[in-house]
Amino acid sequence: MDFSSLGLWGLFLGTFLAATVVPFSSDALYIAVLWATKQPLTCLLVASFGNWAGSVTTYFLGRLCKWEWLEKTFKVKREKLEKQKKNIDKYGVWMALISWLPIVGDVISLGLGFYKAPAFWTLILLFVGKFLRFGVWTLFFL
């Protein structure tokens, strides 16, 4: 689907989906809509909120997940989960700032939820990271 043809609605939807487990990159979409609309502030806000909403969804899906489900369904060993938990405990909610990274960003959001990182600060830092990401694209392409 060509989300850019939907304008700002497409930008919101595309950036939302890109921050979930759906394999989709929002960068090219953001640049296309930014160029087409010539509305940098609006695009920055729409993309940031869309991408943030997708990460929030992924975070809360992680909170719903149980260790037993991962062990049984995906054959993930408890030792591996405990090792990942140490990383989450070490860096904590600050990992949310890099949740915009391709491929690993969705895993970070999911992991923060799964390991029950504090929701308030996680959600704030998720938004800050998303906003900074699209802010850099905005400055670069205007």
N, C-alpha and C. Protein backbone atom coordinates (compact mmCIF):
# COMPACT_ATOMS: atom_id res chain seq x y z
N MET A 1 0.83 -1.17 0.00
CA MET A 1 0.00 0.00 0.00
C MET A 1 0.88 1.24 0.00
N ASP A 2 0.51 2.23 -0.75
CA ASP A 2 1.25 3.48 -0.84
C ASP A 2 0.67 4.48 0.17
N PHE A 3 1.25 4.47 1.36
CA PHE A 3 0.75 5.34 2.42
C PHE A 3 0.94 6.82 2.09
N SER A 4 1.96 7.13 1.30
CA SER A 4 2.22 8.54 0.99
C SER A 4 1.07 9.17 0.21
N SER A 5 0.33 8.36 -0.55
CA SER A 5 -0.80 8.90 -1.31
C SER A 5 -1.96 9.32 -0.40
N LEU A 6 -1.92 8.88 0.85
CA LEU A 6 -2.96 9.24 1.82
C LEU A 6 -2.60 10.51 2.60
N GLY A 7 -1.49 11.11 2.28
CA GLY A 7 -1.08 12.35 2.93
C GLY A 7 -0.76 12.15 4.40
N LEU A 8 -1.25 13.06 5.22
CA LEU A 8 -0.94 13.03 6.65
C LEU A 8 -1.56 11.82 7.35
N TRP A 9 -2.74 11.39 6.91
CA TRP A 9 -3.34 10.18 7.48
C TRP A 9 -2.47 8.96 7.18
N GLY A 10 -1.97 8.91 5.96
CA GLY A 10 -1.07 7.82 5.58
C GLY A 10 0.22 7.86 6.37
N LEU A 11 0.71 9.08 6.63
CA LEU A 11 1.93 9.24 7.43
C LEU A 11 1.71 8.70 8.84
N PHE A 12 0.58 9.06 9.44
CA PHE A 12 0.28 8.56 10.78
C PHE A 12 0.19 7.03 10.78
N LEU A 13 -0.59 6.49 9.87
CA LEU A 13 -0.78 5.04 9.80
C LEU A 13 0.54 4.31 9.53
N GLY A 14 1.30 4.81 8.56
CA GLY A 14 2.57 4.17 8.22
C GLY A 14 3.58 4.22 9.35
N THR A 15 3.67 5.36 10.03
CA THR A 15 4.63 5.45 11.14
C THR A 15 4.16 4.62 12.33
N PHE A 16 2.85 4.53 12.51
CA PHE A 16 2.31 3.66 13.56
C PHE A 16 2.71 2.20 13.30
N LEU A 17 2.42 1.72 12.10
CA LEU A 17 2.72 0.33 11.76
C LEU A 17 4.21 0.03 11.84
N ALA A 18 5.03 1.00 11.44
CA ALA A 18 6.47 0.79 11.46
C ALA A 18 7.01 0.60 12.87
N ALA A 19 6.31 1.09 13.88
CA ALA A 19 6.76 0.95 15.26
C ALA A 19 6.16 -0.27 15.95
N THR A 20 5.44 -1.07 15.21
CA THR A 20 4.93 -2.34 15.74
C THR A 20 5.79 -3.44 15.15
N VAL A 21 5.35 -4.66 15.26
CA VAL A 21 6.12 -5.78 14.72
C VAL A 21 5.94 -5.94 13.21
N VAL A 22 5.18 -5.05 12.58
CA VAL A 22 5.01 -5.08 11.12
C VAL A 22 6.31 -4.59 10.49
N PRO A 23 6.91 -5.40 9.61
CA PRO A 23 8.17 -4.98 8.99
C PRO A 23 7.95 -3.87 7.95
N PHE A 24 8.18 -2.64 8.37
CA PHE A 24 7.92 -1.50 7.51
C PHE A 24 8.80 -0.35 7.99
N SER A 25 9.40 0.38 7.07
CA SER A 25 10.24 1.52 7.44
C SER A 25 9.48 2.81 7.19
N SER A 26 9.51 3.68 8.16
CA SER A 26 8.77 4.93 8.04
C SER A 26 9.61 6.08 7.50
N ASP A 27 10.91 5.91 7.36
CA ASP A 27 11.78 7.01 6.95
C ASP A 27 11.47 7.52 5.54
N ALA A 28 11.40 6.62 4.58
CA ALA A 28 11.11 7.04 3.21
C ALA A 28 9.71 7.65 3.11
N LEU A 29 8.77 7.08 3.82
CA LEU A 29 7.41 7.62 3.86
C LEU A 29 7.43 9.03 4.43
N TYR A 30 8.14 9.23 5.51
CA TYR A 30 8.21 10.55 6.14
C TYR A 30 8.77 11.59 5.17
N ILE A 31 9.84 11.25 4.52
CA ILE A 31 10.47 12.19 3.59
C ILE A 31 9.54 12.50 2.42
N ALA A 32 8.85 11.48 1.91
CA ALA A 32 7.94 11.68 0.78
C ALA A 32 6.79 12.62 1.16
N VAL A 33 6.19 12.40 2.32
CA VAL A 33 5.07 13.24 2.74
C VAL A 33 5.57 14.64 3.10
N LEU A 34 6.74 14.72 3.70
CA LEU A 34 7.33 16.03 4.03
C LEU A 34 7.53 16.86 2.76
N TRP A 35 8.08 16.23 1.74
CA TRP A 35 8.30 16.93 0.47
C TRP A 35 6.98 17.31 -0.20
N ALA A 36 6.03 16.40 -0.15
CA ALA A 36 4.75 16.63 -0.85
C ALA A 36 3.91 17.71 -0.18
N THR A 37 3.89 17.73 1.14
CA THR A 37 3.01 18.66 1.85
C THR A 37 3.66 20.01 2.14
N LYS A 38 4.98 20.02 2.26
CA LYS A 38 5.71 21.24 2.64
C LYS A 38 5.20 21.78 3.97
N GLN A 39 4.84 20.88 4.88
CA GLN A 39 4.36 21.25 6.21
C GLN A 39 5.26 20.59 7.26
N PRO A 40 6.44 21.13 7.48
CA PRO A 40 7.40 20.45 8.36
C PRO A 40 6.92 20.23 9.78
N LEU A 41 6.32 21.22 10.41
CA LEU A 41 5.88 21.07 11.79
C LEU A 41 4.75 20.04 11.89
N THR A 42 3.81 20.11 10.97
CA THR A 42 2.70 19.16 10.99
C THR A 42 3.20 17.74 10.75
N CYS A 43 4.09 17.58 9.77
CA CYS A 43 4.65 16.24 9.49
C CYS A 43 5.43 15.72 10.69
N LEU A 44 6.20 16.59 11.32
CA LEU A 44 6.99 16.19 12.49
C LEU A 44 6.08 15.70 13.60
N LEU A 45 5.02 16.41 13.88
CA LEU A 45 4.10 16.01 14.94
C LEU A 45 3.32 14.75 14.59
N VAL A 46 2.81 14.68 13.37
CA VAL A 46 2.03 13.50 12.95
C VAL A 46 2.89 12.25 12.98
N ALA A 47 4.10 12.32 12.42
CA ALA A 47 4.98 11.16 12.39
C ALA A 47 5.43 10.77 13.80
N SER A 48 5.76 11.76 14.61
CA SER A 48 6.21 11.47 15.98
C SER A 48 5.11 10.79 16.78
N PHE A 49 3.89 11.33 16.71
CA PHE A 49 2.78 10.72 17.46
C PHE A 49 2.40 9.36 16.90
N GLY A 50 2.41 9.21 15.58
CA GLY A 50 2.09 7.91 14.98
C GLY A 50 3.09 6.85 15.38
N ASN A 51 4.38 7.18 15.27
CA ASN A 51 5.43 6.23 15.62
C ASN A 51 5.42 5.93 17.12
N TRP A 52 5.16 6.96 17.92
CA TRP A 52 5.08 6.78 19.36
C TRP A 52 3.91 5.87 19.71
N ALA A 53 2.76 6.09 19.09
CA ALA A 53 1.58 5.26 19.37
C ALA A 53 1.85 3.79 19.03
N GLY A 54 2.57 3.55 17.95
CA GLY A 54 2.94 2.18 17.59
C GLY A 54 3.86 1.56 18.63
N SER A 55 4.82 2.33 19.13
CA SER A 55 5.73 1.83 20.16
C SER A 55 5.01 1.59 21.48
N VAL A 56 4.06 2.46 21.80
CA VAL A 56 3.26 2.27 23.02
C VAL A 56 2.47 0.97 22.91
N THR A 57 1.90 0.72 21.74
CA THR A 57 1.17 -0.54 21.51
C THR A 57 2.10 -1.73 21.71
N THR A 58 3.28 -1.66 21.13
CA THR A 58 4.26 -2.74 21.25
C THR A 58 4.69 -2.91 22.70
N TYR A 59 4.91 -1.81 23.40
CA TYR A 59 5.28 -1.85 24.82
C TYR A 59 4.21 -2.59 25.63
N PHE A 60 2.95 -2.24 25.42
CA PHE A 60 1.88 -2.87 26.21
C PHE A 60 1.64 -4.32 25.78
N LEU A 61 1.91 -4.66 24.53
CA LEU A 61 1.86 -6.07 24.14
C LEU A 61 2.92 -6.85 24.91
N GLY A 62 4.09 -6.24 25.06
CA GLY A 62 5.16 -6.87 25.84
C GLY A 62 4.74 -7.07 27.29
N ARG A 63 4.04 -6.11 27.86
CA ARG A 63 3.59 -6.23 29.26
C ARG A 63 2.60 -7.38 29.42
N LEU A 64 1.83 -7.68 28.37
CA LEU A 64 0.86 -8.76 28.44
C LEU A 64 1.51 -10.14 28.34
N CYS A 65 2.69 -10.20 27.78
CA CYS A 65 3.36 -11.47 27.53
C CYS A 65 3.86 -12.09 28.84
N LYS A 66 3.89 -13.39 28.88
CA LYS A 66 4.34 -14.15 30.06
C LYS A 66 5.60 -14.94 29.70
N TRP A 67 6.49 -15.10 30.67
CA TRP A 67 7.72 -15.86 30.46
C TRP A 67 7.41 -17.26 29.93
N GLU A 68 6.38 -17.87 30.53
CA GLU A 68 6.04 -19.24 30.16
C GLU A 68 5.64 -19.34 28.68
N TRP A 69 4.95 -18.33 28.19
CA TRP A 69 4.52 -18.33 26.78
C TRP A 69 5.73 -18.30 25.86
N LEU A 70 6.70 -17.45 26.19
CA LEU A 70 7.90 -17.37 25.34
C LEU A 70 8.69 -18.67 25.37
N GLU A 71 8.80 -19.24 26.54
CA GLU A 71 9.54 -20.50 26.66
C GLU A 71 8.85 -21.61 25.87
N LYS A 72 7.55 -21.69 25.98
CA LYS A 72 6.81 -22.77 25.34
C LYS A 72 6.61 -22.53 23.84
N THR A 73 6.13 -21.35 23.47
CA THR A 73 5.77 -21.07 22.09
C THR A 73 6.99 -20.85 21.19
N PHE A 74 7.96 -20.05 21.68
CA PHE A 74 9.10 -19.69 20.85
C PHE A 74 10.37 -20.43 21.23
N LYS A 75 10.26 -21.33 22.19
CA LYS A 75 11.39 -22.15 22.64
C LYS A 75 12.57 -21.29 23.10
N VAL A 76 12.27 -20.18 23.77
CA VAL A 76 13.30 -19.31 24.31
C VAL A 76 13.64 -19.81 25.70
N LYS A 77 14.93 -20.01 25.96
CA LYS A 77 15.34 -20.53 27.26
C LYS A 77 15.30 -19.43 28.31
N ARG A 78 14.96 -19.83 29.51
CA ARG A 78 14.87 -18.88 30.63
C ARG A 78 16.20 -18.15 30.84
N GLU A 79 17.31 -18.83 30.63
CA GLU A 79 18.63 -18.20 30.81
C GLU A 79 18.79 -17.01 29.87
N LYS A 80 18.31 -17.14 28.65
CA LYS A 80 18.41 -16.05 27.68
C LYS A 80 17.52 -14.88 28.11
N LEU A 81 16.33 -15.18 28.58
CA LEU A 81 15.43 -14.13 29.07
C LEU A 81 16.02 -13.41 30.27
N GLU A 82 16.67 -14.15 31.16
CA GLU A 82 17.29 -13.53 32.33
C GLU A 82 18.47 -12.66 31.93
N LYS A 83 19.23 -13.07 30.92
CA LYS A 83 20.35 -12.27 30.42
C LYS A 83 19.83 -10.96 29.83
N GLN A 84 18.77 -11.04 29.04
CA GLN A 84 18.18 -9.83 28.46
C GLN A 84 17.62 -8.92 29.56
N LYS A 85 17.07 -9.51 30.59
CA LYS A 85 16.53 -8.71 31.70
C LYS A 85 17.63 -7.92 32.37
N LYS A 86 18.82 -8.48 32.46
CA LYS A 86 19.95 -7.75 33.07
C LYS A 86 20.27 -6.49 32.26
N ASN A 87 20.18 -6.58 30.93
CA ASN A 87 20.41 -5.39 30.10
C ASN A 87 19.33 -4.35 30.32
N ILE A 88 18.09 -4.80 30.40
CA ILE A 88 16.99 -3.87 30.66
C ILE A 88 17.17 -3.23 32.03
N ASP A 89 17.55 -4.03 33.02
CA ASP A 89 17.76 -3.50 34.36
C ASP A 89 18.94 -2.52 34.38
N LYS A 90 19.97 -2.80 33.59
CA LYS A 90 21.17 -1.96 33.57
C LYS A 90 20.89 -0.59 32.95
N TYR A 91 20.23 -0.59 31.79
CA TYR A 91 20.00 0.66 31.06
C TYR A 91 18.60 1.23 31.29
N GLY A 92 17.69 0.40 31.74
CA GLY A 92 16.35 0.83 32.10
C GLY A 92 15.61 1.57 31.01
N VAL A 93 14.81 2.53 31.46
CA VAL A 93 13.94 3.26 30.55
C VAL A 93 14.71 4.07 29.51
N TRP A 94 15.99 4.32 29.75
CA TRP A 94 16.80 5.09 28.79
C TRP A 94 16.90 4.38 27.44
N MET A 95 16.70 3.08 27.43
CA MET A 95 16.71 2.34 26.17
C MET A 95 15.58 2.81 25.25
N ALA A 96 14.54 3.38 25.81
CA ALA A 96 13.41 3.86 25.01
C ALA A 96 13.85 4.95 24.04
N LEU A 97 14.90 5.69 24.37
CA LEU A 97 15.39 6.75 23.49
C LEU A 97 15.90 6.23 22.15
N ILE A 98 16.32 4.97 22.13
CA ILE A 98 16.83 4.41 20.87
C ILE A 98 15.85 3.42 20.23
N SER A 99 14.61 3.47 20.64
CA SER A 99 13.61 2.55 20.09
C SER A 99 13.28 2.86 18.64
N TRP A 100 13.80 3.95 18.10
CA TRP A 100 13.57 4.31 16.70
C TRP A 100 14.50 3.55 15.75
N LEU A 101 15.50 2.88 16.30
CA LEU A 101 16.45 2.17 15.45
C LEU A 101 15.76 1.07 14.63
N PRO A 102 16.16 0.92 13.37
CA PRO A 102 15.58 -0.16 12.56
C PRO A 102 15.86 -1.53 13.18
N ILE A 103 14.94 -2.42 13.02
CA ILE A 103 14.98 -3.83 13.44
C ILE A 103 14.96 -3.97 14.97
N VAL A 104 15.94 -3.44 15.68
CA VAL A 104 16.01 -3.65 17.12
C VAL A 104 15.08 -2.74 17.91
N GLY A 105 14.62 -1.64 17.32
CA GLY A 105 13.77 -0.69 18.03
C GLY A 105 12.48 -1.31 18.53
N ASP A 106 11.85 -2.11 17.69
CA ASP A 106 10.60 -2.77 18.09
C ASP A 106 10.86 -3.78 19.20
N VAL A 107 11.99 -4.45 19.12
CA VAL A 107 12.36 -5.43 20.15
C VAL A 107 12.62 -4.71 21.48
N ILE A 108 13.22 -3.52 21.41
CA ILE A 108 13.45 -2.74 22.62
C ILE A 108 12.13 -2.36 23.27
N SER A 109 11.20 -1.85 22.47
CA SER A 109 9.89 -1.47 23.02
C SER A 109 9.19 -2.68 23.63
N LEU A 110 9.22 -3.79 22.92
CA LEU A 110 8.60 -5.02 23.42
C LEU A 110 9.27 -5.47 24.71
N GLY A 111 10.60 -5.44 24.73
CA GLY A 111 11.36 -5.86 25.91
C GLY A 111 11.10 -4.97 27.11
N LEU A 112 11.02 -3.66 26.88
CA LEU A 112 10.72 -2.75 27.99
C LEU A 112 9.37 -3.08 28.62
N GLY A 113 8.42 -3.44 27.77
CA GLY A 113 7.12 -3.84 28.30
C GLY A 113 7.18 -5.19 28.99
N PHE A 114 7.83 -6.14 28.35
CA PHE A 114 7.92 -7.50 28.88
C PHE A 114 8.58 -7.53 30.26
N TYR A 115 9.65 -6.74 30.40
CA TYR A 115 10.39 -6.71 31.66
C TYR A 115 9.87 -5.64 32.62
N LYS A 116 8.70 -5.09 32.29
CA LYS A 116 7.96 -4.18 33.17
C LYS A 116 8.74 -2.92 33.55
N ALA A 117 9.39 -2.31 32.55
CA ALA A 117 10.02 -1.01 32.80
C ALA A 117 8.92 -0.02 33.17
N PRO A 118 9.20 0.94 34.05
CA PRO A 118 8.17 1.89 34.47
C PRO A 118 7.50 2.58 33.29
N ALA A 119 6.19 2.47 33.21
CA ALA A 119 5.45 2.94 32.04
C ALA A 119 5.59 4.45 31.82
N PHE A 120 5.44 5.24 32.86
CA PHE A 120 5.42 6.69 32.67
C PHE A 120 6.69 7.19 31.96
N TRP A 121 7.84 6.89 32.52
CA TRP A 121 9.09 7.37 31.94
C TRP A 121 9.42 6.68 30.62
N THR A 122 9.06 5.43 30.50
CA THR A 122 9.28 4.73 29.23
C THR A 122 8.51 5.42 28.11
N LEU A 123 7.24 5.74 28.35
CA LEU A 123 6.42 6.36 27.32
C LEU A 123 6.91 7.77 26.99
N ILE A 124 7.35 8.51 27.99
CA ILE A 124 7.90 9.85 27.74
C ILE A 124 9.15 9.74 26.87
N LEU A 125 10.06 8.86 27.25
CA LEU A 125 11.32 8.74 26.49
C LEU A 125 11.11 8.12 25.12
N LEU A 126 10.11 7.28 24.96
CA LEU A 126 9.78 6.78 23.63
C LEU A 126 9.42 7.95 22.73
N PHE A 127 8.59 8.86 23.23
CA PHE A 127 8.19 10.02 22.42
C PHE A 127 9.38 10.92 22.11
N VAL A 128 10.22 11.17 23.08
CA VAL A 128 11.39 12.03 22.86
C VAL A 128 12.28 11.45 21.76
N GLY A 129 12.53 10.15 21.81
CA GLY A 129 13.34 9.51 20.79
C GLY A 129 12.73 9.61 19.40
N LYS A 130 11.44 9.37 19.31
CA LYS A 130 10.74 9.45 18.02
C LYS A 130 10.77 10.88 17.48
N PHE A 131 10.50 11.84 18.35
CA PHE A 131 10.48 13.25 17.95
C PHE A 131 11.85 13.69 17.44
N LEU A 132 12.90 13.31 18.15
CA LEU A 132 14.25 13.67 17.73
C LEU A 132 14.61 13.03 16.38
N ARG A 133 14.21 11.80 16.21
CA ARG A 133 14.47 11.11 14.94
C ARG A 133 13.86 11.87 13.77
N PHE A 134 12.56 12.15 13.85
CA PHE A 134 11.90 12.85 12.75
C PHE A 134 12.33 14.31 12.66
N GLY A 135 12.75 14.87 13.79
CA GLY A 135 13.28 16.23 13.77
C GLY A 135 14.56 16.32 12.95
N VAL A 136 15.42 15.33 13.09
CA VAL A 136 16.66 15.30 12.31
C VAL A 136 16.32 15.17 10.82
N TRP A 137 15.40 14.28 10.46
CA TRP A 137 15.00 14.14 9.05
C TRP A 137 14.43 15.46 8.53
N THR A 138 13.66 16.14 9.35
CA THR A 138 13.05 17.41 8.93
C THR A 138 14.12 18.43 8.64
N LEU A 139 15.07 18.57 9.53
CA LEU A 139 16.15 19.54 9.33
C LEU A 139 17.02 19.18 8.12
N PHE A 140 17.23 17.90 7.92
CA PHE A 140 18.09 17.44 6.83
C PHE A 140 17.44 17.64 5.46
N PHE A 141 16.14 17.46 5.38
CA PHE A 141 15.47 17.49 4.07
C PHE A 141 14.73 18.78 3.76
N LEU A 142 14.88 19.80 4.56
CA LEU A 142 14.26 21.08 4.22
C LEU A 142 15.26 22.07 3.70
